[in-house]
Amino acid sequence: MIRRRMRTIPVMVASFIAVTVLLPLLVAIAVPIDAARSLLTGKPWMTLRMVAMAWIYLASEVAVIVISGAQWLVLGGPFGGSQRLTEAAYGLQQWWVTTLLRSVASLLDLRFRVEGKAVVRSGPVVVLFRHASIIDNLLPYAFITSGGGVRLRWVLKKELLSDPALDIGGHRLPNYFVDREAADPEAQRSAIRALATDLGPDEGVLIFPEGTRFGAARRRRALERVRKSDPELYQQARHWTRTLPPRRGGVLALLEAGTDVVVCAHGGLEGLTNPRDIWRAAPVGRTVAIRLWRISAADVPAGDDDRARWLADTWSEVDAVVGELAAEAT
């Protein structure tokens, strides 16, 4: 962990300094590119927006690094307490994600329409979230934590530890970073299961069952994987056009807690898997339609086999709902 942060933190700080110093030059380059692109294609100015988003992202990362260090010195050092540090980390995490989401929404003029806000009324819950974009990582904070008052523990992929803010904050909170190349999958499942064993009435665990952002190439690879490993799931998933077949190990581990389940599907962020996609698509003025629904613990079957079939059926519904919402989104 220390060796990783000795690499990632200096790179992040150096990147922020470089972009800040070069900001006038980057703006000077972006303006003619956007003007020419707008003249030729009619698309909104995106290069300038991407420069602004990059600077805001880097600035917020450095702010989290600095504030996290100060929090540890004041609250987590030899005279501090772990609970105080955890509470401070929750607050900092909320500020960071809210800042990023508000910045992206403002720069892209995104509008959000949410159905089913009331279902996030309390915990404990397991939240199954559809994944399609680098932007939808931010939505659970806005519409489940801030909107519903449910603090979330996250199941995330280990690759995200290259982001220092996620690395530092993520390890101060009860989250788990999955190593998908681990030699002992059962140990991974046990660690995920532990996240849901002591949830309070204002807590939940969030997982992206697909494991990665949806895309045509990822869909082909995922279908090939399940065609060999899970023919029954393949027969359903091959008809889905907007979602990937869920990776069931982590979800099944969380369902053992016997809590209600909240499902989130959304449309309007398709095709925005990375910054290049955002620049190309120029999604200015889009409406992001979000639908949440709650499934009672009593309606989730017992046993891994039945739960696996339930998960596949639920994800079939998610795929259909995403189609509806994407058609409604503008």
Protein backbone atom coordinates (compact mmCIF):
# COMPACT_ATOMS: atom_id res chain seq x y z
CA MET A 1 0.00 0.00 0.00
CA ILE A 2 2.74 2.47 0.95
CA ARG A 3 4.76 1.63 -2.14
CA ARG A 4 1.69 2.11 -4.34
CA ARG A 5 0.92 5.49 -2.83
CA MET A 6 4.54 6.55 -3.20
CA ARG A 7 3.95 6.13 -6.93
CA THR A 8 0.41 7.38 -7.37
CA ILE A 9 0.40 10.45 -5.10
CA PRO A 10 3.46 12.16 -6.66
CA VAL A 11 2.08 11.48 -10.14
CA MET A 12 -1.28 13.02 -9.20
CA VAL A 13 0.29 16.10 -7.59
CA ALA A 14 2.70 16.57 -10.51
CA SER A 15 -0.18 16.25 -12.97
CA PHE A 16 -2.17 18.91 -11.13
CA ILE A 17 0.79 21.29 -11.09
CA ALA A 18 1.53 20.68 -14.77
CA VAL A 19 -2.08 21.22 -15.88
CA THR A 20 -2.37 24.34 -13.70
CA VAL A 21 0.84 25.85 -15.13
CA LEU A 22 -0.14 24.93 -18.68
CA LEU A 23 -3.78 25.97 -18.30
CA PRO A 24 -3.50 29.17 -20.41
CA LEU A 25 -1.81 27.20 -23.18
CA LEU A 26 -4.37 24.40 -22.99
CA VAL A 27 -7.19 26.93 -23.25
CA ALA A 28 -5.47 28.61 -26.19
CA ILE A 29 -5.26 25.24 -27.95
CA ALA A 30 -8.79 24.18 -27.03
CA VAL A 31 -10.56 27.29 -28.34
CA PRO A 32 -9.61 26.99 -32.03
CA ILE A 33 -10.17 23.22 -31.95
CA ASP A 34 -13.66 23.70 -30.57
CA ALA A 35 -14.43 26.58 -32.91
CA ALA A 36 -13.42 24.57 -35.97
CA ARG A 37 -15.24 21.45 -34.77
CA SER A 38 -18.38 23.43 -34.03
CA LEU A 39 -18.27 25.09 -37.45
CA LEU A 40 -17.77 21.79 -39.27
CA THR A 41 -20.02 19.48 -37.26
CA GLY A 42 -22.27 21.73 -35.20
CA LYS A 43 -21.21 19.97 -31.99
CA PRO A 44 -20.91 21.91 -28.71
CA TRP A 45 -17.49 23.06 -27.55
CA MET A 46 -16.07 20.02 -25.79
CA THR A 47 -12.28 20.43 -25.71
CA LEU A 48 -12.57 23.42 -23.41
CA ARG A 49 -15.02 21.52 -21.22
CA MET A 50 -12.67 18.54 -21.02
CA VAL A 51 -9.78 20.80 -19.95
CA ALA A 52 -11.99 22.25 -17.21
CA MET A 53 -13.10 18.79 -16.06
CA ALA A 54 -9.50 17.55 -15.99
CA TRP A 55 -8.37 20.48 -13.86
CA ILE A 56 -11.30 20.12 -11.44
CA TYR A 57 -10.65 16.39 -11.11
CA LEU A 58 -6.94 16.86 -10.41
CA ALA A 59 -7.58 19.75 -8.01
CA SER A 60 -10.13 17.71 -6.06
CA GLU A 61 -7.73 14.76 -5.89
CA VAL A 62 -4.96 16.92 -4.45
CA ALA A 63 -7.43 18.47 -2.00
CA VAL A 64 -8.46 15.01 -0.79
CA ILE A 65 -4.82 13.94 -0.40
CA VAL A 66 -3.96 17.05 1.64
CA ILE A 67 -7.12 17.02 3.77
CA SER A 68 -6.81 13.26 4.38
CA GLY A 69 -3.29 13.79 5.66
CA ALA A 70 -4.45 16.56 7.97
CA GLN A 71 -7.32 14.41 9.23
CA TRP A 72 -4.94 11.59 10.06
CA LEU A 73 -2.62 13.92 11.96
CA VAL A 74 -5.45 15.47 13.97
CA LEU A 75 -7.86 12.55 14.37
CA GLY A 76 -5.98 9.36 13.64
CA GLY A 77 -2.55 9.89 15.11
CA PRO A 78 -1.42 8.70 18.54
CA PHE A 79 -4.08 10.78 20.29
CA GLY A 80 -6.90 10.20 17.82
CA GLY A 81 -9.55 7.54 17.42
CA SER A 82 -10.49 5.37 14.49
CA GLN A 83 -14.20 6.25 14.74
CA ARG A 84 -13.51 9.97 14.50
CA LEU A 85 -11.27 9.40 11.51
CA THR A 86 -13.94 7.27 9.84
CA GLU A 87 -16.58 9.96 10.34
CA ALA A 88 -14.24 12.57 8.88
CA ALA A 89 -13.51 10.29 5.92
CA TYR A 90 -17.24 9.91 5.22
CA GLY A 91 -17.63 13.68 5.14
CA LEU A 92 -14.62 14.18 2.90
CA GLN A 93 -15.80 11.45 0.53
CA GLN A 94 -19.20 13.09 0.25
CA TRP A 95 -17.64 16.49 -0.49
CA TRP A 96 -15.34 15.00 -3.13
CA VAL A 97 -18.01 13.10 -5.04
CA THR A 98 -20.54 15.94 -4.79
CA THR A 99 -17.97 18.39 -6.15
CA LEU A 100 -17.19 16.12 -9.11
CA LEU A 101 -20.82 15.40 -9.94
CA ARG A 102 -21.90 19.03 -9.71
CA SER A 103 -18.95 20.07 -11.87
CA VAL A 104 -19.64 17.47 -14.56
CA ALA A 105 -23.39 18.18 -14.50
CA SER A 106 -22.79 21.93 -14.80
CA LEU A 107 -20.19 21.69 -17.57
CA LEU A 108 -22.30 19.25 -19.60
CA ASP A 109 -25.65 20.77 -18.62
CA LEU A 110 -26.91 17.36 -17.51
CA ARG A 111 -30.38 17.03 -16.07
CA PHE A 112 -31.43 14.16 -13.82
CA ARG A 113 -34.89 12.63 -13.59
CA VAL A 114 -35.28 10.09 -10.80
CA GLU A 115 -38.13 7.62 -10.31
CA GLY A 116 -38.50 5.72 -7.07
CA LYS A 117 -36.62 7.97 -4.66
CA ALA A 118 -38.84 6.81 -1.83
CA VAL A 119 -37.59 3.22 -1.99
CA VAL A 120 -34.27 4.33 -0.48
CA ARG A 121 -35.99 5.07 2.78
CA SER A 122 -33.74 3.10 5.09
CA GLY A 123 -31.29 0.26 5.40
CA PRO A 124 -30.04 -2.26 5.68
CA VAL A 125 -30.02 -2.86 1.93
CA VAL A 126 -27.91 -4.38 -0.80
CA VAL A 127 -27.80 -2.05 -3.81
CA LEU A 128 -27.35 -3.47 -7.32
CA PHE A 129 -26.29 -0.67 -9.68
CA ARG A 130 -26.12 -0.76 -13.45
CA HIS A 131 -22.72 0.40 -14.82
CA ALA A 132 -22.32 2.14 -18.17
CA SER A 133 -20.13 5.23 -17.76
CA ILE A 134 -17.38 6.86 -15.74
CA ILE A 135 -20.07 9.33 -14.69
CA ASP A 136 -22.47 6.84 -13.14
CA ASN A 137 -19.87 6.04 -10.45
CA LEU A 138 -20.97 9.31 -8.86
CA LEU A 139 -24.73 8.72 -8.91
CA PRO A 140 -25.10 6.50 -5.80
CA TYR A 141 -23.81 9.28 -3.57
CA ALA A 142 -26.28 11.77 -4.99
CA PHE A 143 -29.41 9.64 -5.01
CA ILE A 144 -28.85 7.01 -2.33
CA THR A 145 -26.49 8.49 0.26
CA SER A 146 -27.42 12.20 0.02
CA GLY A 147 -30.91 11.60 -1.36
CA GLY A 148 -31.88 8.68 0.85
CA GLY A 149 -29.61 9.03 3.86
CA VAL A 150 -28.16 5.54 3.45
CA ARG A 151 -24.42 5.27 3.95
CA LEU A 152 -22.94 2.84 1.47
CA ARG A 153 -20.14 0.37 1.74
CA TRP A 154 -18.72 -0.27 -1.72
CA VAL A 155 -17.47 -3.33 -3.57
CA LEU A 156 -14.95 -2.01 -6.09
CA LYS A 157 -12.35 -3.45 -8.42
CA LYS A 158 -8.76 -3.37 -7.22
CA GLU A 159 -7.61 -1.46 -10.31
CA LEU A 160 -9.26 1.69 -8.92
CA LEU A 161 -6.59 1.88 -6.23
CA SER A 162 -4.46 3.72 -8.78
CA ASP A 163 -6.63 6.72 -7.87
CA PRO A 164 -5.11 8.12 -4.62
CA ALA A 165 -8.36 9.62 -3.35
CA LEU A 166 -10.15 6.29 -3.72
CA ASP A 167 -7.16 4.47 -2.26
CA ILE A 168 -6.87 6.63 0.85
CA GLY A 169 -10.57 7.24 1.50
CA GLY A 170 -11.61 3.76 0.42
CA HIS A 171 -9.37 2.12 2.99
CA ARG A 172 -10.58 4.34 5.84
CA LEU A 173 -14.15 3.22 5.23
CA PRO A 174 -15.66 -0.28 5.26
CA ASN A 175 -15.23 -1.00 1.55
CA TYR A 176 -13.67 -3.92 -0.30
CA PHE A 177 -11.49 -3.85 -3.41
CA VAL A 178 -11.86 -7.04 -5.43
CA ASP A 179 -8.83 -8.67 -7.01
CA ARG A 180 -10.36 -10.44 -9.99
CA GLU A 181 -7.13 -12.33 -10.61
CA ALA A 182 -6.93 -13.68 -7.06
CA ALA A 183 -6.02 -17.33 -6.67
CA ASP A 184 -8.63 -17.85 -3.91
CA PRO A 185 -12.09 -16.67 -5.05
CA GLU A 186 -13.70 -17.97 -1.86
CA ALA A 187 -11.55 -15.63 0.23
CA GLN A 188 -12.77 -12.75 -1.94
CA ARG A 189 -16.35 -13.87 -1.46
CA SER A 190 -15.90 -14.11 2.32
CA ALA A 191 -14.53 -10.57 2.45
CA ILE A 192 -17.49 -9.27 0.44
CA ARG A 193 -19.92 -11.24 2.61
CA ALA A 194 -18.44 -9.58 5.70
CA LEU A 195 -19.45 -6.12 4.42
CA ALA A 196 -23.12 -6.98 4.85
CA THR A 197 -22.99 -8.83 8.19
CA ASP A 198 -23.35 -5.87 10.56
CA LEU A 199 -25.29 -3.26 8.60
CA GLY A 200 -27.21 -0.70 10.59
CA PRO A 201 -30.61 0.83 9.76
CA ASP A 202 -28.96 3.66 7.82
CA GLU A 203 -26.42 1.54 5.93
CA GLY A 204 -26.15 -0.50 2.77
CA VAL A 205 -23.65 -2.22 0.49
CA LEU A 206 -23.35 -1.28 -3.16
CA ILE A 207 -22.05 -3.51 -5.92
CA PHE A 208 -21.90 -3.16 -9.70
CA PRO A 209 -22.89 -6.73 -10.67
CA GLU A 210 -21.55 -6.37 -14.22
CA GLY A 211 -18.07 -5.71 -12.86
CA THR A 212 -17.21 -3.12 -15.49
CA ARG A 213 -18.77 -0.51 -17.78
CA PHE A 214 -21.02 -1.71 -20.57
CA GLY A 215 -19.67 -1.57 -24.11
CA ALA A 216 -20.03 -3.57 -27.31
CA ALA A 217 -16.59 -5.17 -27.07
CA ARG A 218 -17.02 -5.91 -23.36
CA ARG A 219 -20.42 -7.45 -24.11
CA ARG A 220 -18.88 -9.84 -26.65
CA ARG A 221 -16.17 -10.89 -24.22
CA ALA A 222 -18.60 -11.32 -21.33
CA LEU A 223 -20.98 -13.42 -23.40
CA GLU A 224 -18.13 -15.66 -24.50
CA ARG A 225 -17.12 -16.09 -20.88
CA VAL A 226 -20.58 -17.11 -19.67
CA ARG A 227 -21.23 -19.24 -22.76
CA LYS A 228 -18.51 -21.54 -21.47
CA SER A 229 -19.01 -21.21 -17.72
CA ASP A 230 -22.77 -20.73 -17.34
CA PRO A 231 -24.83 -21.85 -20.36
CA GLU A 232 -28.12 -21.15 -18.57
CA LEU A 233 -27.17 -17.51 -17.97
CA TYR A 234 -25.87 -17.25 -21.53
CA GLN A 235 -29.28 -18.18 -22.94
CA GLN A 236 -30.75 -15.13 -21.20
CA ALA A 237 -27.85 -12.71 -21.49
CA ARG A 238 -27.41 -13.12 -25.25
CA HIS A 239 -30.73 -11.32 -25.71
CA TRP A 240 -29.67 -8.33 -23.59
CA THR A 241 -28.51 -5.33 -25.60
CA ARG A 242 -27.70 -2.75 -22.91
CA THR A 243 -26.26 -4.69 -19.98
CA LEU A 244 -23.55 -7.24 -19.33
CA PRO A 245 -24.22 -10.61 -17.67
CA PRO A 246 -23.75 -10.14 -13.92
CA ARG A 247 -20.80 -11.66 -12.10
CA ARG A 248 -22.73 -13.53 -9.50
CA GLY A 249 -20.09 -14.39 -6.86
CA GLY A 250 -20.05 -11.06 -5.05
CA VAL A 251 -23.80 -10.53 -5.35
CA LEU A 252 -24.62 -13.97 -3.98
CA ALA A 253 -22.27 -13.37 -1.05
CA LEU A 254 -24.07 -10.13 -0.17
CA LEU A 255 -27.51 -11.72 -0.51
CA GLU A 256 -26.63 -14.12 2.30
CA ALA A 257 -27.23 -11.24 4.71
CA GLY A 258 -30.96 -11.53 4.01
CA THR A 259 -31.62 -7.82 3.53
CA ASP A 260 -33.88 -5.98 1.11
CA VAL A 261 -32.39 -5.24 -2.30
CA VAL A 262 -32.49 -1.91 -4.14
CA VAL A 263 -31.93 -2.05 -7.90
CA CYS A 264 -30.88 0.95 -9.97
CA ALA A 265 -31.17 1.21 -13.75
CA HIS A 266 -30.44 4.37 -15.72
CA GLY A 267 -30.41 5.64 -19.28
CA GLY A 268 -28.76 8.61 -20.92
CA LEU A 269 -25.10 7.88 -20.17
CA GLU A 270 -24.62 5.22 -22.84
CA GLY A 271 -21.42 5.43 -24.83
CA LEU A 272 -19.58 7.53 -22.23
CA THR A 273 -17.17 4.88 -20.97
CA ASN A 274 -14.07 7.13 -20.91
CA PRO A 275 -13.03 10.80 -21.45
CA ARG A 276 -12.43 10.25 -25.17
CA ASP A 277 -15.99 8.98 -25.58
CA ILE A 278 -17.32 12.03 -23.77
CA TRP A 279 -15.35 14.34 -26.08
CA ARG A 280 -16.56 12.54 -29.19
CA ALA A 281 -20.21 12.25 -28.13
CA ALA A 282 -20.47 15.83 -26.83
CA PRO A 283 -23.38 14.88 -24.52
CA VAL A 284 -24.30 18.46 -23.61
CA GLY A 285 -27.87 18.97 -22.45
CA ARG A 286 -28.73 15.30 -21.94
CA THR A 287 -31.32 14.09 -19.49
CA VAL A 288 -30.22 11.14 -17.36
CA ALA A 289 -33.25 9.04 -16.42
CA ILE A 290 -32.84 6.92 -13.28
CA ARG A 291 -35.21 4.32 -11.86
CA LEU A 292 -34.89 2.73 -8.42
CA TRP A 293 -36.97 -0.13 -7.10
CA ARG A 294 -36.87 -2.17 -3.92
CA ILE A 295 -37.24 -5.93 -3.57
CA SER A 296 -38.20 -7.33 -0.20
CA ALA A 297 -35.82 -9.82 1.39
CA ALA A 298 -38.77 -12.22 1.53
CA ASP A 299 -38.94 -12.18 -2.28
CA VAL A 300 -35.28 -13.16 -2.71
CA PRO A 301 -35.01 -16.97 -2.80
CA ALA A 302 -32.72 -19.01 -0.58
CA GLY A 303 -29.82 -21.04 -1.91
CA ASP A 304 -27.16 -20.02 -4.39
CA ASP A 305 -28.72 -21.76 -7.40
CA ASP A 306 -32.11 -20.15 -6.95
CA ARG A 307 -30.52 -16.80 -6.16
CA ALA A 308 -28.39 -17.04 -9.31
CA ARG A 309 -31.54 -17.54 -11.40
CA TRP A 310 -33.24 -14.69 -9.51
CA LEU A 311 -30.26 -12.43 -10.29
CA ALA A 312 -30.41 -13.32 -13.99
CA ASP A 313 -34.16 -12.59 -14.07
CA THR A 314 -33.61 -9.30 -12.24
CA TRP A 315 -30.92 -8.29 -14.71
CA SER A 316 -33.24 -9.14 -17.60
CA GLU A 317 -35.61 -6.60 -16.08
CA VAL A 318 -32.76 -4.10 -15.71
CA ASP A 319 -31.90 -4.50 -19.40
CA ALA A 320 -35.52 -3.84 -20.39
CA VAL A 321 -35.80 -0.84 -18.08
CA VAL A 322 -32.54 0.64 -19.41
CA GLY A 323 -34.01 0.42 -22.92
CA GLU A 324 -37.09 2.34 -21.78
CA LEU A 325 -35.09 4.98 -19.95
CA ALA A 326 -32.57 5.45 -22.77
CA ALA A 327 -35.44 6.03 -25.20
CA GLU A 328 -36.92 8.63 -22.85
CA ALA A 329 -33.60 10.39 -22.18
CA THR A 330 -32.76 13.27 -24.50
